[in-house]
N, C-alpha and C. Protein backbone atom coordinates (compact mmCIF):
# COMPACT_ATOMS: atom_id res chain seq x y z
N MET A 1 -47.52 36.55 65.80
CA MET A 1 -48.69 37.23 65.27
C MET A 1 -48.26 38.20 64.18
N VAL A 2 -49.01 38.23 63.10
CA VAL A 2 -48.75 39.13 61.99
C VAL A 2 -49.20 40.54 62.37
N LYS A 3 -48.35 41.53 62.08
CA LYS A 3 -48.70 42.92 62.37
C LYS A 3 -48.89 43.66 61.05
N ILE A 4 -50.07 44.27 60.89
CA ILE A 4 -50.44 44.99 59.68
C ILE A 4 -50.67 46.46 60.03
N VAL A 5 -50.18 47.35 59.18
CA VAL A 5 -50.44 48.78 59.33
C VAL A 5 -51.30 49.23 58.16
N GLY A 6 -52.36 49.94 58.46
CA GLY A 6 -53.24 50.49 57.44
C GLY A 6 -53.02 51.98 57.28
N ILE A 7 -52.99 52.43 56.03
CA ILE A 7 -52.82 53.86 55.72
C ILE A 7 -53.86 54.25 54.69
N GLY A 8 -54.64 55.26 55.01
CA GLY A 8 -55.65 55.79 54.09
C GLY A 8 -55.15 57.06 53.45
N GLY A 9 -55.39 57.19 52.16
CA GLY A 9 -54.85 58.32 51.41
C GLY A 9 -55.82 59.45 51.15
N SER A 10 -56.74 59.69 52.07
CA SER A 10 -57.68 60.79 51.92
C SER A 10 -57.68 61.63 53.18
N LEU A 11 -57.84 62.93 53.01
CA LEU A 11 -57.91 63.84 54.15
C LEU A 11 -59.35 64.25 54.47
N ARG A 12 -60.32 63.81 53.70
CA ARG A 12 -61.71 64.16 53.94
C ARG A 12 -62.19 63.59 55.27
N SER A 13 -62.97 64.35 55.99
CA SER A 13 -63.48 63.89 57.29
C SER A 13 -64.41 62.69 57.13
N GLU A 14 -65.19 62.63 56.09
CA GLU A 14 -66.10 61.51 55.83
C GLU A 14 -65.54 60.64 54.70
N SER A 15 -64.29 60.32 54.78
CA SER A 15 -63.56 59.62 53.72
C SER A 15 -64.06 58.20 53.50
N TYR A 16 -64.43 57.89 52.26
CA TYR A 16 -64.80 56.52 51.91
C TYR A 16 -63.57 55.61 51.91
N SER A 17 -62.42 56.16 51.59
CA SER A 17 -61.18 55.38 51.66
C SER A 17 -60.93 54.92 53.09
N GLN A 18 -61.15 55.82 54.03
CA GLN A 18 -60.96 55.48 55.44
C GLN A 18 -62.00 54.44 55.88
N GLN A 19 -63.23 54.57 55.39
CA GLN A 19 -64.25 53.58 55.73
C GLN A 19 -63.86 52.21 55.18
N ALA A 20 -63.38 52.16 53.94
CA ALA A 20 -62.94 50.89 53.36
C ALA A 20 -61.76 50.33 54.15
N LEU A 21 -60.83 51.18 54.54
CA LEU A 21 -59.69 50.75 55.35
C LEU A 21 -60.15 50.16 56.68
N ASN A 22 -61.13 50.80 57.30
CA ASN A 22 -61.64 50.30 58.58
C ASN A 22 -62.29 48.92 58.42
N VAL A 23 -63.05 48.73 57.34
CA VAL A 23 -63.66 47.42 57.09
C VAL A 23 -62.57 46.37 56.90
N ALA A 24 -61.57 46.68 56.08
CA ALA A 24 -60.47 45.73 55.85
C ALA A 24 -59.75 45.42 57.15
N ALA A 25 -59.49 46.43 57.96
CA ALA A 25 -58.79 46.23 59.23
C ALA A 25 -59.59 45.30 60.15
N GLN A 26 -60.90 45.47 60.19
CA GLN A 26 -61.73 44.59 61.02
C GLN A 26 -61.65 43.15 60.53
N ARG A 27 -61.66 42.95 59.21
CA ARG A 27 -61.60 41.59 58.66
C ARG A 27 -60.24 40.95 58.95
N VAL A 28 -59.18 41.74 58.85
CA VAL A 28 -57.84 41.24 59.12
C VAL A 28 -57.68 40.90 60.61
N GLU A 29 -58.19 41.76 61.48
CA GLU A 29 -58.14 41.49 62.93
C GLU A 29 -58.92 40.22 63.28
N ALA A 30 -60.05 40.00 62.61
CA ALA A 30 -60.87 38.81 62.86
C ALA A 30 -60.11 37.52 62.54
N LEU A 31 -59.07 37.63 61.71
CA LEU A 31 -58.24 36.48 61.36
C LEU A 31 -57.03 36.33 62.28
N GLY A 32 -56.96 37.16 63.32
CA GLY A 32 -55.92 37.02 64.33
C GLY A 32 -54.72 37.93 64.17
N ALA A 33 -54.73 38.80 63.18
CA ALA A 33 -53.60 39.72 63.00
C ALA A 33 -53.79 40.97 63.87
N GLU A 34 -52.68 41.57 64.21
CA GLU A 34 -52.70 42.85 64.91
C GLU A 34 -52.72 43.95 63.85
N VAL A 35 -53.61 44.92 64.01
CA VAL A 35 -53.74 46.00 63.02
C VAL A 35 -53.61 47.35 63.70
N GLU A 36 -52.82 48.21 63.10
CA GLU A 36 -52.73 49.61 63.54
C GLU A 36 -53.01 50.48 62.33
N ILE A 37 -53.90 51.44 62.49
CA ILE A 37 -54.19 52.37 61.39
C ILE A 37 -53.49 53.69 61.69
N LEU A 38 -52.71 54.13 60.72
CA LEU A 38 -52.11 55.46 60.78
C LEU A 38 -53.05 56.40 60.03
N ASP A 39 -53.70 57.26 60.75
CA ASP A 39 -54.67 58.18 60.15
C ASP A 39 -53.95 59.45 59.72
N LEU A 40 -53.69 59.56 58.44
CA LEU A 40 -52.95 60.72 57.92
C LEU A 40 -53.69 62.02 58.16
N ARG A 41 -55.00 61.94 58.40
CA ARG A 41 -55.77 63.15 58.70
C ARG A 41 -55.37 63.72 60.06
N GLN A 42 -54.82 62.87 60.92
CA GLN A 42 -54.43 63.29 62.27
C GLN A 42 -52.92 63.56 62.39
N MET A 43 -52.20 63.28 61.32
CA MET A 43 -50.74 63.44 61.36
C MET A 43 -50.33 64.73 60.65
N ARG A 44 -49.24 65.29 61.11
CA ARG A 44 -48.68 66.49 60.48
C ARG A 44 -47.45 66.06 59.69
N LEU A 45 -47.64 65.93 58.38
CA LEU A 45 -46.56 65.49 57.50
C LEU A 45 -46.26 66.59 56.48
N PRO A 46 -44.98 66.85 56.22
CA PRO A 46 -44.62 67.84 55.21
C PRO A 46 -44.69 67.23 53.82
N PHE A 47 -44.64 68.08 52.81
CA PHE A 47 -44.44 67.57 51.46
C PHE A 47 -43.02 67.02 51.39
N CYS A 48 -42.87 65.87 50.81
CA CYS A 48 -41.56 65.27 50.67
C CYS A 48 -40.70 66.15 49.77
N ASP A 49 -39.49 66.49 50.24
CA ASP A 49 -38.58 67.28 49.42
C ASP A 49 -37.35 66.47 49.01
N GLY A 50 -37.41 65.15 49.25
CA GLY A 50 -36.29 64.29 48.90
C GLY A 50 -35.27 64.16 50.01
N GLY A 51 -35.47 64.89 51.09
CA GLY A 51 -34.52 64.82 52.20
C GLY A 51 -34.74 63.59 53.05
N LYS A 52 -33.72 63.29 53.85
CA LYS A 52 -33.82 62.12 54.73
C LYS A 52 -34.32 62.48 56.12
N GLU A 53 -34.13 63.70 56.53
CA GLU A 53 -34.49 64.12 57.88
C GLU A 53 -35.53 65.23 57.83
N TYR A 54 -36.51 65.13 58.72
CA TYR A 54 -37.56 66.14 58.84
C TYR A 54 -37.73 66.46 60.33
N PRO A 55 -36.73 67.12 60.94
CA PRO A 55 -36.74 67.32 62.39
C PRO A 55 -37.93 68.13 62.91
N ASP A 56 -38.52 68.94 62.08
CA ASP A 56 -39.66 69.75 62.53
C ASP A 56 -40.98 68.98 62.44
N TYR A 57 -40.92 67.72 61.99
CA TYR A 57 -42.12 66.91 61.79
C TYR A 57 -41.95 65.54 62.44
N PRO A 58 -42.20 65.44 63.73
CA PRO A 58 -42.03 64.16 64.41
C PRO A 58 -42.93 63.04 63.87
N ASP A 59 -44.02 63.42 63.21
CA ASP A 59 -44.90 62.39 62.65
C ASP A 59 -44.25 61.64 61.49
N VAL A 60 -43.23 62.23 60.86
CA VAL A 60 -42.50 61.50 59.81
C VAL A 60 -41.81 60.30 60.43
N GLU A 61 -41.17 60.50 61.57
CA GLU A 61 -40.50 59.39 62.25
C GLU A 61 -41.51 58.36 62.75
N LYS A 62 -42.66 58.84 63.23
CA LYS A 62 -43.71 57.91 63.67
C LYS A 62 -44.18 57.06 62.49
N LEU A 63 -44.42 57.67 61.35
CA LEU A 63 -44.82 56.95 60.14
C LEU A 63 -43.77 55.91 59.77
N ARG A 64 -42.53 56.34 59.70
CA ARG A 64 -41.44 55.45 59.30
C ARG A 64 -41.27 54.28 60.27
N GLU A 65 -41.25 54.56 61.55
CA GLU A 65 -41.02 53.50 62.54
C GLU A 65 -42.19 52.52 62.60
N THR A 66 -43.40 53.04 62.51
CA THR A 66 -44.58 52.17 62.56
C THR A 66 -44.58 51.22 61.37
N VAL A 67 -44.31 51.74 60.19
CA VAL A 67 -44.29 50.90 58.99
C VAL A 67 -43.10 49.94 59.04
N LYS A 68 -41.96 50.41 59.50
CA LYS A 68 -40.78 49.55 59.58
C LYS A 68 -41.04 48.34 60.49
N GLN A 69 -41.77 48.52 61.57
CA GLN A 69 -42.04 47.45 62.52
C GLN A 69 -43.15 46.50 62.05
N ALA A 70 -43.87 46.88 61.01
CA ALA A 70 -44.99 46.07 60.52
C ALA A 70 -44.50 44.96 59.61
N ASP A 71 -45.31 43.92 59.50
CA ASP A 71 -45.06 42.84 58.55
C ASP A 71 -45.73 43.12 57.22
N GLY A 72 -46.86 43.82 57.27
CA GLY A 72 -47.62 44.07 56.05
C GLY A 72 -48.38 45.38 56.13
N LEU A 73 -48.96 45.74 54.99
CA LEU A 73 -49.66 47.02 54.86
C LEU A 73 -51.00 46.85 54.17
N ILE A 74 -51.94 47.69 54.56
CA ILE A 74 -53.16 47.91 53.77
C ILE A 74 -53.09 49.37 53.34
N LEU A 75 -53.12 49.59 52.05
CA LEU A 75 -53.09 50.96 51.52
C LEU A 75 -54.41 51.22 50.81
N ALA A 76 -55.10 52.27 51.22
CA ALA A 76 -56.38 52.64 50.63
C ALA A 76 -56.27 54.06 50.08
N THR A 77 -56.62 54.22 48.80
CA THR A 77 -56.52 55.54 48.18
C THR A 77 -57.80 55.87 47.42
N PRO A 78 -58.20 57.13 47.48
CA PRO A 78 -59.21 57.55 46.52
C PRO A 78 -58.54 57.66 45.15
N GLU A 79 -59.32 57.52 44.11
CA GLU A 79 -58.75 57.75 42.78
C GLU A 79 -59.05 59.18 42.39
N TYR A 80 -57.98 59.94 42.19
CA TYR A 80 -58.09 61.33 41.76
C TYR A 80 -57.46 61.47 40.39
N HIS A 81 -58.20 61.97 39.45
CA HIS A 81 -57.69 62.20 38.09
C HIS A 81 -56.98 60.98 37.52
N GLY A 82 -57.55 59.81 37.78
CA GLY A 82 -57.04 58.58 37.19
C GLY A 82 -55.83 57.98 37.86
N SER A 83 -55.53 58.39 39.10
CA SER A 83 -54.36 57.84 39.78
C SER A 83 -54.54 57.90 41.29
N VAL A 84 -53.47 57.64 42.01
CA VAL A 84 -53.48 57.68 43.47
C VAL A 84 -53.58 59.11 43.95
N SER A 85 -54.01 59.27 45.19
CA SER A 85 -54.06 60.61 45.77
C SER A 85 -52.65 61.11 46.08
N GLY A 86 -52.48 62.40 46.07
CA GLY A 86 -51.20 62.99 46.46
C GLY A 86 -50.87 62.69 47.91
N VAL A 87 -51.89 62.52 48.73
CA VAL A 87 -51.70 62.25 50.15
C VAL A 87 -51.00 60.91 50.36
N ILE A 88 -51.48 59.85 49.71
CA ILE A 88 -50.85 58.54 49.88
C ILE A 88 -49.47 58.51 49.22
N LYS A 89 -49.36 59.17 48.08
CA LYS A 89 -48.07 59.22 47.38
C LYS A 89 -47.04 59.93 48.24
N ASN A 90 -47.43 61.04 48.86
CA ASN A 90 -46.50 61.78 49.71
C ASN A 90 -46.08 60.95 50.92
N ALA A 91 -47.03 60.26 51.54
CA ALA A 91 -46.68 59.42 52.69
C ALA A 91 -45.68 58.34 52.28
N LEU A 92 -45.90 57.72 51.12
CA LEU A 92 -44.96 56.71 50.64
C LEU A 92 -43.62 57.33 50.28
N ASP A 93 -43.64 58.53 49.72
CA ASP A 93 -42.38 59.20 49.36
C ASP A 93 -41.56 59.58 50.59
N LEU A 94 -42.21 59.78 51.72
CA LEU A 94 -41.49 60.11 52.96
C LEU A 94 -40.77 58.90 53.54
N MET A 95 -41.06 57.72 52.99
CA MET A 95 -40.40 56.49 53.44
C MET A 95 -39.41 56.04 52.38
N SER A 96 -38.68 54.97 52.72
CA SER A 96 -37.68 54.45 51.79
C SER A 96 -37.70 52.93 51.83
N PHE A 97 -36.73 52.33 51.16
CA PHE A 97 -36.59 50.88 51.17
C PHE A 97 -36.48 50.36 52.61
N GLU A 98 -35.85 51.14 53.47
CA GLU A 98 -35.68 50.72 54.87
C GLU A 98 -37.02 50.37 55.52
N GLN A 99 -38.06 51.10 55.18
CA GLN A 99 -39.37 50.85 55.76
C GLN A 99 -40.22 49.90 54.90
N LEU A 100 -40.07 49.93 53.59
CA LEU A 100 -41.01 49.26 52.70
C LEU A 100 -40.53 47.96 52.07
N ASP A 101 -39.24 47.77 51.98
CA ASP A 101 -38.68 46.57 51.35
C ASP A 101 -39.17 45.31 52.06
N GLY A 102 -39.73 44.39 51.30
CA GLY A 102 -40.17 43.12 51.85
C GLY A 102 -41.55 43.12 52.48
N LYS A 103 -42.19 44.26 52.59
CA LYS A 103 -43.53 44.31 53.17
C LYS A 103 -44.52 43.67 52.21
N VAL A 104 -45.52 43.00 52.76
CA VAL A 104 -46.64 42.48 51.98
C VAL A 104 -47.72 43.55 52.02
N ALA A 105 -48.28 43.87 50.86
CA ALA A 105 -49.24 44.96 50.79
C ALA A 105 -50.53 44.54 50.10
N GLY A 106 -51.63 44.96 50.68
CA GLY A 106 -52.94 44.83 50.07
C GLY A 106 -53.41 46.21 49.67
N LEU A 107 -53.97 46.33 48.46
CA LEU A 107 -54.30 47.64 47.90
C LEU A 107 -55.80 47.79 47.67
N MET A 108 -56.30 48.99 47.96
CA MET A 108 -57.71 49.32 47.74
C MET A 108 -57.82 50.71 47.14
N SER A 109 -58.81 50.88 46.26
CA SER A 109 -59.10 52.22 45.74
C SER A 109 -60.60 52.47 45.83
N VAL A 110 -60.92 53.73 45.96
CA VAL A 110 -62.30 54.17 46.10
C VAL A 110 -62.54 55.26 45.06
N LEU A 111 -63.65 55.11 44.34
CA LEU A 111 -63.95 56.05 43.25
C LEU A 111 -65.37 56.58 43.39
N GLY A 112 -65.59 57.79 42.93
CA GLY A 112 -66.93 58.34 42.89
C GLY A 112 -67.71 57.83 41.69
N GLY A 113 -67.00 57.46 40.63
CA GLY A 113 -67.64 56.98 39.41
C GLY A 113 -67.55 55.47 39.29
N GLN A 114 -67.43 55.02 38.05
CA GLN A 114 -67.39 53.59 37.76
C GLN A 114 -66.07 52.97 38.20
N VAL A 115 -66.13 51.69 38.54
CA VAL A 115 -64.94 50.95 38.97
C VAL A 115 -63.93 50.86 37.84
N ASN A 116 -62.68 51.11 38.14
CA ASN A 116 -61.56 50.83 37.24
C ASN A 116 -60.34 50.56 38.11
N SER A 117 -59.23 50.29 37.49
CA SER A 117 -58.04 49.90 38.25
C SER A 117 -56.87 50.86 38.09
N ASN A 118 -57.11 52.07 37.63
CA ASN A 118 -55.99 52.99 37.41
C ASN A 118 -55.18 53.24 38.67
N ALA A 119 -55.83 53.64 39.74
CA ALA A 119 -55.11 53.94 40.98
C ALA A 119 -54.43 52.68 41.52
N LEU A 120 -55.11 51.55 41.42
CA LEU A 120 -54.53 50.30 41.90
C LEU A 120 -53.30 49.92 41.09
N ASN A 121 -53.36 50.08 39.78
CA ASN A 121 -52.20 49.77 38.94
C ASN A 121 -51.02 50.67 39.29
N ASP A 122 -51.29 51.96 39.49
CA ASP A 122 -50.21 52.89 39.85
C ASP A 122 -49.64 52.56 41.22
N LEU A 123 -50.52 52.25 42.16
CA LEU A 123 -50.05 51.92 43.51
C LEU A 123 -49.26 50.61 43.50
N ARG A 124 -49.69 49.66 42.70
CA ARG A 124 -48.95 48.39 42.55
C ARG A 124 -47.55 48.66 42.01
N LEU A 125 -47.43 49.54 41.03
CA LEU A 125 -46.14 49.90 40.45
C LEU A 125 -45.24 50.57 41.50
N ILE A 126 -45.80 51.48 42.26
CA ILE A 126 -45.03 52.17 43.31
C ILE A 126 -44.50 51.15 44.32
N MET A 127 -45.38 50.25 44.76
CA MET A 127 -44.97 49.28 45.77
C MET A 127 -43.95 48.29 45.23
N ARG A 128 -44.10 47.90 43.99
CA ARG A 128 -43.11 47.00 43.38
C ARG A 128 -41.75 47.70 43.32
N TRP A 129 -41.74 48.98 43.04
CA TRP A 129 -40.51 49.76 42.92
C TRP A 129 -39.72 49.76 44.23
N VAL A 130 -40.44 49.73 45.37
CA VAL A 130 -39.77 49.75 46.68
C VAL A 130 -39.63 48.34 47.26
N HIS A 131 -39.78 47.34 46.38
CA HIS A 131 -39.57 45.93 46.72
C HIS A 131 -40.57 45.36 47.72
N ALA A 132 -41.79 45.86 47.68
CA ALA A 132 -42.87 45.27 48.49
C ALA A 132 -43.50 44.14 47.68
N TRP A 133 -44.20 43.26 48.38
CA TRP A 133 -44.91 42.13 47.77
C TRP A 133 -46.40 42.44 47.81
N VAL A 134 -46.99 42.70 46.66
CA VAL A 134 -48.41 43.06 46.60
C VAL A 134 -49.23 41.80 46.34
N ILE A 135 -50.24 41.58 47.19
CA ILE A 135 -51.10 40.41 46.99
C ILE A 135 -51.94 40.60 45.73
N PRO A 136 -52.34 39.51 45.09
CA PRO A 136 -53.13 39.65 43.86
C PRO A 136 -54.55 40.15 44.11
N GLU A 137 -55.11 39.86 45.27
CA GLU A 137 -56.46 40.35 45.57
C GLU A 137 -56.40 41.84 45.84
N GLN A 138 -57.28 42.56 45.18
CA GLN A 138 -57.34 44.00 45.39
C GLN A 138 -58.80 44.41 45.37
N ILE A 139 -59.08 45.58 45.90
CA ILE A 139 -60.46 46.04 45.97
C ILE A 139 -60.56 47.42 45.35
N ALA A 140 -61.49 47.56 44.42
CA ALA A 140 -61.85 48.86 43.86
C ALA A 140 -63.34 49.05 44.12
N ILE A 141 -63.69 50.13 44.76
CA ILE A 141 -65.08 50.41 45.08
C ILE A 141 -65.54 51.60 44.25
N GLY A 142 -66.36 51.34 43.25
CA GLY A 142 -66.94 52.41 42.44
C GLY A 142 -68.19 52.96 43.10
N GLN A 143 -68.54 54.17 42.73
CA GLN A 143 -69.70 54.85 43.30
C GLN A 143 -69.72 54.68 44.82
N ALA A 144 -68.63 55.05 45.43
CA ALA A 144 -68.42 54.81 46.85
C ALA A 144 -69.50 55.41 47.73
N TRP A 145 -70.12 56.46 47.28
CA TRP A 145 -71.18 57.10 48.06
C TRP A 145 -72.35 56.15 48.31
N SER A 146 -72.46 55.06 47.52
CA SER A 146 -73.56 54.12 47.71
C SER A 146 -73.09 52.77 48.27
N ALA A 147 -71.83 52.65 48.65
CA ALA A 147 -71.28 51.37 49.08
C ALA A 147 -71.42 51.11 50.59
N PHE A 148 -71.58 52.16 51.38
CA PHE A 148 -71.59 52.04 52.84
C PHE A 148 -72.89 52.58 53.42
N ASN A 149 -73.29 52.01 54.56
CA ASN A 149 -74.42 52.61 55.28
C ASN A 149 -73.89 53.68 56.22
N GLU A 150 -74.76 54.26 57.02
CA GLU A 150 -74.35 55.37 57.91
C GLU A 150 -73.34 54.94 58.97
N GLU A 151 -73.31 53.64 59.30
CA GLU A 151 -72.34 53.14 60.30
C GLU A 151 -71.04 52.68 59.66
N GLY A 152 -70.89 52.87 58.34
CA GLY A 152 -69.67 52.47 57.65
C GLY A 152 -69.63 51.00 57.26
N LYS A 153 -70.76 50.32 57.32
CA LYS A 153 -70.84 48.91 56.94
C LYS A 153 -71.11 48.80 55.44
N LEU A 154 -70.57 47.75 54.84
CA LEU A 154 -70.78 47.51 53.41
C LEU A 154 -72.21 47.08 53.14
N LEU A 155 -72.77 47.58 52.05
CA LEU A 155 -74.14 47.24 51.69
C LEU A 155 -74.23 46.08 50.71
N ASP A 156 -73.19 45.81 49.96
CA ASP A 156 -73.21 44.79 48.92
C ASP A 156 -72.54 43.51 49.42
N GLU A 157 -73.25 42.40 49.35
CA GLU A 157 -72.73 41.12 49.85
C GLU A 157 -71.51 40.63 49.07
N LYS A 158 -71.53 40.81 47.75
CA LYS A 158 -70.38 40.36 46.94
C LYS A 158 -69.14 41.17 47.27
N LEU A 159 -69.31 42.46 47.49
CA LEU A 159 -68.18 43.30 47.89
C LEU A 159 -67.68 42.86 49.27
N SER A 160 -68.58 42.54 50.16
CA SER A 160 -68.20 42.07 51.48
C SER A 160 -67.39 40.77 51.38
N GLU A 161 -67.79 39.87 50.49
CA GLU A 161 -67.04 38.64 50.28
C GLU A 161 -65.65 38.92 49.74
N ARG A 162 -65.53 39.93 48.88
CA ARG A 162 -64.21 40.30 48.36
C ARG A 162 -63.31 40.82 49.49
N PHE A 163 -63.87 41.55 50.43
CA PHE A 163 -63.10 42.00 51.59
C PHE A 163 -62.60 40.80 52.40
N ASP A 164 -63.44 39.78 52.54
CA ASP A 164 -63.02 38.58 53.26
C ASP A 164 -61.86 37.90 52.54
N GLN A 165 -61.95 37.76 51.23
CA GLN A 165 -60.88 37.14 50.44
C GLN A 165 -59.60 37.97 50.51
N PHE A 166 -59.75 39.28 50.43
CA PHE A 166 -58.62 40.21 50.54
C PHE A 166 -57.91 40.01 51.88
N ALA A 167 -58.69 40.01 52.97
CA ALA A 167 -58.12 39.86 54.31
C ALA A 167 -57.42 38.51 54.46
N GLN A 168 -58.06 37.46 53.99
CA GLN A 168 -57.48 36.12 54.08
C GLN A 168 -56.14 36.06 53.34
N SER A 169 -56.11 36.59 52.14
CA SER A 169 -54.88 36.59 51.35
C SER A 169 -53.79 37.42 52.02
N LEU A 170 -54.16 38.58 52.52
CA LEU A 170 -53.16 39.44 53.15
C LEU A 170 -52.55 38.77 54.38
N VAL A 171 -53.37 38.20 55.23
CA VAL A 171 -52.86 37.57 56.45
C VAL A 171 -52.02 36.33 56.10
N GLU A 172 -52.53 35.48 55.22
CA GLU A 172 -51.79 34.26 54.87
C GLU A 172 -50.46 34.57 54.19
N ASN A 173 -50.47 35.47 53.22
CA ASN A 173 -49.24 35.78 52.51
C ASN A 173 -48.25 36.54 53.38
N THR A 174 -48.74 37.38 54.26
CA THR A 174 -47.85 38.08 55.17
C THR A 174 -47.17 37.08 56.11
N ALA A 175 -47.92 36.12 56.61
CA ALA A 175 -47.34 35.10 57.49
C ALA A 175 -46.28 34.29 56.74
N LYS A 176 -46.52 33.99 55.48
CA LYS A 176 -45.57 33.20 54.69
C LYS A 176 -44.29 33.98 54.38
N LEU A 177 -44.44 35.27 54.10
CA LEU A 177 -43.30 36.07 53.63
C LEU A 177 -42.65 36.90 54.72
N ARG A 178 -43.19 36.86 55.89
CA ARG A 178 -42.69 37.69 56.98
C ARG A 178 -41.22 37.41 57.23
N VAL A 179 -40.46 38.48 57.39
CA VAL A 179 -39.04 38.37 57.72
C VAL A 179 -38.92 38.48 59.23
N ASN A 180 -38.39 37.46 59.86
CA ASN A 180 -38.26 37.47 61.34
C ASN A 180 -36.96 38.08 61.77
């Protein structure tokens, strides 16, 4: 069974990135994969200082071990000032090739304004740098405040279909590239 870890890059309590991550996780689970979401809002992580050890922050080890044991990742970030959030960048910076090399990754961004790919392009570059395999399907949700209903369900059918394609690609490519 393919194991996927989801990480959302927003600390907001009503995070649209987290809602998008939850939708993606449900679609991936429906295809038979095991999914674990690491909720950075619930974790105590320091700012990365370039060090290898963070003994006062056990959640760093939890982050590293959980990702290391996974076959693939779903990364969801809000777009802030034309790029990824500092939260997702910091979480990735706390890891290394040991955790990220060879992982298959699906990327999503959430924006308050019009759809664009700035955060996705930057996240793709970051993941390529650590030798991850990023699937070609990606999701950018513009005007996120209008994309979900009160239960966190998608309102747009075409967007929902894109989530299905995203999940299918992530599960299939992770199964193909998984290192046993």
